[in-house]
Protein backbone atom coordinates (compact mmCIF):
# COMPACT_ATOMS: atom_id res chain seq x y z
CA MET A 1 135.39 47.82 101.67
CA ILE A 2 135.90 51.13 103.45
CA ARG A 3 133.74 51.64 106.52
CA SER A 4 133.56 54.23 109.28
CA VAL A 5 134.51 52.30 112.41
CA ILE A 6 133.70 53.39 115.98
CA THR A 7 137.04 53.20 117.78
CA GLY A 8 136.32 55.12 120.96
CA THR A 9 133.44 56.46 123.06
CA GLY A 10 133.19 59.07 125.78
CA SER A 11 130.63 61.02 127.78
CA ALA A 12 130.30 63.87 130.24
CA LEU A 13 127.67 64.98 132.75
CA PRO A 14 127.33 68.16 134.80
CA ALA A 15 128.40 67.85 138.42
CA GLN A 16 124.92 68.52 139.81
CA ALA A 17 122.44 65.64 139.83
CA VAL A 18 118.86 66.60 140.68
CA SER A 19 116.48 63.91 141.94
CA ASN A 20 112.73 63.91 141.41
CA ALA A 21 112.26 64.67 145.10
CA GLU A 22 114.49 67.74 144.84
CA LEU A 23 112.64 68.87 141.73
CA ALA A 24 109.32 68.47 143.55
CA GLU A 25 110.45 71.16 145.99
CA ARG A 26 110.35 73.78 143.21
CA VAL A 27 107.72 72.35 140.83
CA ASP A 28 104.19 71.04 141.45
CA THR A 29 105.03 67.36 140.92
CA THR A 30 106.01 64.19 142.76
CA ASP A 31 108.57 61.46 142.34
CA GLU A 32 105.79 58.92 141.81
CA TRP A 33 104.14 61.02 139.06
CA ILE A 34 107.40 61.40 137.14
CA VAL A 35 108.54 57.77 137.46
CA GLU A 36 105.14 56.34 136.48
CA ARG A 37 104.88 58.44 133.32
CA THR A 38 108.51 58.62 132.20
CA GLY A 39 110.77 56.24 134.11
CA ILE A 40 113.00 59.20 135.05
CA ARG A 41 114.42 59.30 138.59
CA GLN A 42 117.06 62.03 138.24
CA ARG A 43 118.78 64.31 135.75
CA HIS A 44 122.00 66.35 135.63
CA ILE A 45 121.74 70.14 135.41
CA ALA A 46 124.57 72.35 134.13
CA GLY A 47 125.95 74.83 136.64
CA GLU A 48 128.09 77.92 136.35
CA GLY A 49 130.90 77.41 133.87
CA GLU A 50 129.34 74.27 132.40
CA THR A 51 128.22 74.81 128.81
CA THR A 52 127.45 72.75 125.74
CA SER A 53 131.04 73.22 124.53
CA THR A 54 132.69 72.32 127.86
CA LEU A 55 130.63 69.14 128.18
CA ALA A 56 131.33 68.26 124.54
CA THR A 57 135.06 68.81 125.01
CA GLU A 58 135.16 66.55 128.07
CA ALA A 59 133.26 63.79 126.28
CA ALA A 60 135.49 64.14 123.21
CA ARG A 61 138.68 63.88 125.28
CA LYS A 62 137.44 60.63 126.81
CA ALA A 63 136.56 59.26 123.37
CA LEU A 64 140.02 60.18 122.06
CA ASP A 65 141.64 58.45 125.04
CA ALA A 66 139.52 55.34 124.45
CA ALA A 67 140.52 55.31 120.78
CA GLY A 68 144.16 55.83 121.66
CA ILE A 69 144.67 58.73 119.27
CA ALA A 70 145.84 62.32 119.62
CA ALA A 71 143.54 65.30 119.03
CA ASP A 72 145.63 66.54 116.10
CA GLU A 73 144.78 63.34 114.18
CA ILE A 74 141.13 64.45 113.97
CA GLY A 75 140.27 66.02 110.62
CA LEU A 76 136.52 66.39 111.14
CA ILE A 77 134.21 67.34 114.02
CA VAL A 78 130.44 67.15 113.61
CA LEU A 79 128.61 68.32 116.72
CA ALA A 80 124.88 67.85 117.15
CA THR A 81 123.12 70.32 119.43
CA ALA A 82 119.97 72.39 119.80
CA THR A 83 121.56 74.45 122.58
CA PRO A 84 124.79 75.91 121.15
CA ASP A 85 127.01 78.20 123.18
CA HIS A 86 126.32 81.00 120.69
CA THR A 87 124.18 81.58 117.61
CA PHE A 88 127.57 81.55 115.89
CA PRO A 89 130.32 80.49 115.67
CA ALA A 90 129.53 76.79 115.62
CA THR A 91 130.10 75.11 118.98
CA ALA A 92 132.15 72.48 117.13
CA THR A 93 134.80 75.11 116.42
CA GLN A 94 135.07 75.88 120.14
CA VAL A 95 135.59 72.19 120.85
CA GLN A 96 138.13 71.95 118.05
CA HIS A 97 140.13 74.82 119.56
CA ALA A 98 139.89 73.48 123.12
CA LEU A 99 141.16 70.06 122.04
CA GLY A 100 143.91 71.41 119.79
CA CYS A 101 142.71 69.56 116.72
CA GLY A 102 144.20 71.97 114.21
CA THR A 103 142.33 73.47 111.27
CA GLY A 104 140.28 70.59 109.93
CA ILE A 105 136.52 70.64 109.29
CA ALA A 106 134.22 71.53 112.21
CA PHE A 107 130.52 72.37 112.19
CA ASP A 108 127.26 71.89 114.05
CA VAL A 109 124.15 69.92 113.06
CA ALA A 110 120.69 70.94 114.31
CA ALA A 111 118.17 68.08 114.32
CA VAL A 112 117.28 68.16 118.03
CA CYS A 113 116.97 64.68 119.57
CA SER A 114 117.85 63.02 116.24
CA GLY A 115 120.90 65.24 115.92
CA PHE A 116 123.48 62.61 116.78
CA LEU A 117 122.16 60.28 114.06
CA TYR A 118 122.21 63.11 111.53
CA ALA A 119 125.77 63.94 112.62
CA LEU A 120 126.79 60.28 112.44
CA ALA A 121 125.43 59.87 108.90
CA THR A 122 127.09 63.12 107.80
CA ALA A 123 130.48 62.17 109.22
CA ASP A 124 130.21 58.66 107.77
CA SER A 125 129.54 60.10 104.29
CA MET A 126 132.47 62.51 104.56
CA LEU A 127 134.84 59.76 105.68
CA GLN A 128 133.64 57.56 102.83
CA THR A 129 134.51 60.29 100.31
CA GLY A 130 137.95 60.85 101.81
CA MET A 131 137.39 64.37 103.17
CA ALA A 132 138.89 63.15 106.46
CA LYS A 133 140.31 59.93 107.87
CA LYS A 134 139.32 60.34 111.51
CA ALA A 135 136.35 62.19 112.98
CA LEU A 136 134.73 63.14 116.25
CA VAL A 137 130.94 62.87 116.28
CA ILE A 138 129.45 64.56 119.32
CA GLY A 139 126.02 65.16 120.81
CA SER A 140 125.97 67.81 123.54
CA GLU A 141 123.13 69.71 125.17
CA THR A 142 122.29 72.09 128.01
CA PHE A 143 118.52 71.82 127.68
CA SER A 144 118.03 73.12 131.23
CA ARG A 145 118.71 76.59 129.82
CA ILE A 146 115.67 76.52 127.50
CA LEU A 147 113.16 74.93 129.89
CA ASP A 148 110.16 76.67 131.41
CA TRP A 149 110.66 75.69 135.04
CA GLU A 150 107.02 76.49 135.80
CA ASP A 151 105.77 73.93 133.26
CA ARG A 152 105.83 70.60 135.08
CA THR A 153 104.88 68.69 131.93
CA THR A 154 108.22 69.53 130.27
CA CYS A 155 110.81 70.59 132.84
CA VAL A 156 110.82 67.19 134.55
CA LEU A 157 111.72 65.40 131.31
CA PHE A 158 115.07 66.87 130.33
CA GLY A 159 118.66 66.96 131.49
CA ASP A 160 122.09 68.07 130.34
CA GLY A 161 125.05 66.04 129.11
CA ALA A 162 127.29 65.06 126.23
CA GLY A 163 128.43 61.95 124.41
CA ALA A 164 131.08 61.47 121.74
CA ILE A 165 132.54 58.82 119.47
CA VAL A 166 135.66 58.60 117.35
CA LEU A 167 135.01 57.38 113.80
CA GLU A 168 137.90 56.13 111.65
CA ALA A 169 137.80 55.20 107.96
CA ARG A 170 139.19 51.67 107.70
CA GLU A 171 139.35 48.90 105.13
CA VAL A 172 137.35 45.98 106.52
CA GLU A 173 135.80 42.69 105.40
CA THR A 174 132.08 42.53 104.58
CA ASP A 175 131.27 41.19 108.05
CA GLY A 176 133.75 43.55 109.71
CA PRO A 177 133.15 46.52 112.01
CA GLY A 178 131.74 49.91 111.04
CA ILE A 179 128.57 51.75 110.08
CA ILE A 180 126.49 49.36 107.96
CA ALA A 181 123.30 51.27 107.18
CA THR A 182 121.59 54.53 108.10
CA LYS A 183 118.19 56.05 107.37
CA LEU A 184 117.06 59.60 108.14
CA HIS A 185 113.68 61.35 107.84
CA ALA A 186 112.07 64.71 108.55
CA ASP A 187 108.55 66.11 108.45
CA GLY A 188 107.99 69.79 109.24
CA GLU A 189 104.21 69.43 109.37
CA HIS A 190 104.20 68.73 113.10
CA LYS A 191 106.40 71.59 114.28
CA GLU A 192 103.80 72.82 116.77
CA LEU A 193 103.96 69.54 118.74
CA LEU A 194 107.56 70.05 119.88
CA TYR A 195 109.42 73.32 119.44
CA VAL A 196 111.08 76.31 121.11
CA ASP A 197 109.03 79.51 121.01
CA GLY A 198 111.87 81.84 120.07
CA GLY A 199 114.87 82.41 117.84
CA PRO A 200 117.09 85.10 116.28
CA SER A 201 114.90 85.51 113.18
CA THR A 202 111.51 85.55 114.94
CA THR A 203 111.56 86.90 118.49
CA GLY A 204 115.21 87.85 118.89
CA GLU A 205 115.25 85.77 122.07
CA VAL A 206 116.21 82.18 122.86
CA GLY A 207 112.70 81.10 123.87
CA LYS A 208 111.46 78.12 125.88
CA LEU A 209 110.65 74.53 124.99
CA ARG A 210 107.00 73.70 124.31
CA MET A 211 105.63 70.20 123.80
CA LYS A 212 102.37 68.28 123.42
CA GLY A 213 103.58 65.07 124.97
CA ARG A 214 100.73 62.71 124.11
CA GLU A 215 100.88 63.51 120.39
CA VAL A 216 104.67 63.28 120.33
CA PHE A 217 104.48 59.85 121.98
CA ARG A 218 102.10 58.57 119.30
CA HIS A 219 104.28 59.76 116.41
CA ALA A 220 107.46 58.50 118.08
CA VAL A 221 106.35 54.89 118.44
CA VAL A 222 105.16 54.66 114.83
CA ASN A 223 108.08 56.53 113.23
CA LEU A 224 110.79 54.74 115.20
CA ALA A 225 109.40 51.28 114.51
CA ASP A 226 109.15 52.11 110.80
CA VAL A 227 112.68 53.48 110.46
CA LEU A 228 114.14 50.55 112.37
CA ARG A 229 112.48 48.18 109.91
CA GLU A 230 113.92 50.23 107.03
CA VAL A 231 117.47 49.94 108.34
CA ILE A 232 117.08 46.24 109.10
CA GLY A 233 115.88 45.73 105.52
CA ASP A 234 118.70 47.80 104.00
CA ALA A 235 121.30 45.93 106.05
CA GLY A 236 119.84 42.52 105.22
CA VAL A 237 119.79 41.32 108.82
CA ALA A 238 117.11 39.79 111.01
CA VAL A 239 115.85 41.40 114.21
CA GLU A 240 117.18 38.38 116.08
CA GLN A 241 120.74 39.17 114.94
CA ILE A 242 120.81 42.55 116.67
CA ASP A 243 122.75 42.35 119.90
CA TRP A 244 121.86 45.76 121.32
CA VAL A 245 119.57 48.69 120.66
CA VAL A 246 120.81 52.08 121.88
CA PRO A 247 117.78 54.36 121.58
CA HIS A 248 117.20 58.04 122.22
CA GLN A 249 116.38 58.23 125.92
CA ALA A 250 113.15 60.24 125.86
CA ASN A 251 110.72 58.21 127.90
CA ALA A 252 110.76 54.66 129.24
CA ARG A 253 107.30 54.03 127.85
CA ILE A 254 108.41 54.97 124.31
CA LEU A 255 111.37 52.59 124.63
CA ASP A 256 109.11 49.76 125.78
CA ALA A 257 106.46 50.38 123.12
CA THR A 258 108.99 50.57 120.28
CA ALA A 259 110.73 47.37 121.39
CA ARG A 260 107.41 45.51 121.58
CA LYS A 261 106.35 46.74 118.15
CA LEU A 262 109.53 45.25 116.66
CA GLY A 263 109.53 42.10 118.76
CA LEU A 264 112.78 43.04 120.50
CA PRO A 265 113.37 41.67 124.01
CA ALA A 266 113.67 44.39 126.66
CA GLU A 267 117.01 43.02 127.84
CA LYS A 268 118.58 44.04 124.51
CA VAL A 269 117.65 47.72 124.96
CA VAL A 270 120.16 50.02 126.68
CA VAL A 271 118.25 52.25 129.11
CA THR A 272 119.75 55.28 130.86
CA VAL A 273 116.70 57.57 130.91
CA ASP A 274 116.19 56.80 134.61
CA ARG A 275 119.46 58.53 135.59
CA HIS A 276 120.02 61.03 132.75
CA ALA A 277 116.47 61.97 131.61
CA ASN A 278 116.16 63.24 128.03
CA THR A 279 119.46 64.81 126.99
CA SER A 280 118.33 65.33 123.38
CA ALA A 281 121.20 64.92 120.89
CA ALA A 282 123.49 63.69 123.68
CA SER A 283 121.33 60.76 124.75
CA VAL A 284 122.35 58.13 122.17
CA PRO A 285 126.16 58.57 122.44
CA LEU A 286 125.88 58.98 126.21
CA ALA A 287 123.97 55.70 126.53
CA LEU A 288 126.40 54.01 124.15
CA ASP A 289 129.38 55.06 126.25
CA VAL A 290 127.71 53.78 129.43
CA ALA A 291 127.08 50.37 127.85
CA VAL A 292 130.58 50.14 126.35
CA ARG A 293 132.28 51.04 129.61
CA ASP A 294 130.21 48.67 131.75
CA GLY A 295 131.05 45.81 129.37
CA ARG A 296 127.64 45.14 127.88
CA ILE A 297 128.60 46.25 124.37
CA GLY A 298 131.82 44.76 123.03
CA LYS A 299 133.74 44.16 119.82
CA GLY A 300 131.75 42.38 117.15
CA ASP A 301 128.36 43.30 118.58
CA LEU A 302 125.68 44.44 116.14
CA VAL A 303 124.22 47.66 117.55
CA MET A 304 121.18 49.64 116.40
CA PHE A 305 120.85 53.36 117.16
CA GLU A 306 117.53 55.21 116.85
CA ALA A 307 116.04 58.59 117.73
CA MET A 308 113.20 61.01 117.04
CA GLY A 309 113.04 64.70 117.88
CA GLY A 310 111.42 68.02 117.16
CA GLY A 311 110.90 68.91 113.55
CA PHE A 312 109.92 66.12 113.39
CA THR A 313 113.22 64.45 112.57
CA TRP A 314 113.93 60.77 113.07
CA GLY A 315 116.37 58.11 112.01
CA ALA A 316 118.27 54.93 112.77
CA ALA A 317 121.70 53.47 112.10
CA LEU A 318 123.17 49.97 112.34
CA ALA A 319 126.82 49.44 113.23
CA ARG A 320 129.10 46.58 114.12
CA MET A 321 131.44 47.45 116.95
């Protein structure tokens, strides 16, 4: 069968890391308050000259190097972001130009924290139909630029960064590597629980992030557990067969609650929220790259990805490395 196989991973973080203690100097909060409620200890904040496209390009270069392929072999770039460099053109086209990929397909996907999973499913479908043979799937965000730095309930939660993977269409055996199953959902009913209060068509301004954290937490635990069960059922595997879960890094308590609901041991969950905070669409590929490069995730491992974000959007995907 033909499957989309992950052949390389990469990530990028802004140079500036900001600890909870440093953040407490400008916001009415404490390190203890943040750690107890979120598990976050620091985050990276984009500085001058660091944008969604520059971070995405750096992550993509590392993924290409890991895959051992040249940029001009890439025929498709799908970039997930809620913080593009410009309203248009798509940030993916800026990355395409910076890498020297040629004139293949390049576009952005907007599904906030679930964006990488939406981008992954889209690229997988396009590879399956032969529209390209090799693709870059990227999640990149500079959320610090849409935060209200006077709102301690939101500004402490987010950070900036990027993650990327190379996907290649390959003929494999049934138990071989590649994307096995994906499931995506959306429900616009709960927009007011997590949104940005601006946009070109409404206010003409970028706006700032607004969130009702307690309600989002409740929906996240239920929706993520449900979609994980859906993917497990579609793939015909048992929970015990999953080697690693790479979740969206929103909040340590959400990660713990979702794992318990599914009966997954905590040691199988990749956690980077403590050092990166919530990097929205970048968090899943960023965490994946960390776990691949430190040797935890290796060839043959069965890996589950999951995320939920504003919209609401949520989804999960199962892949063999």
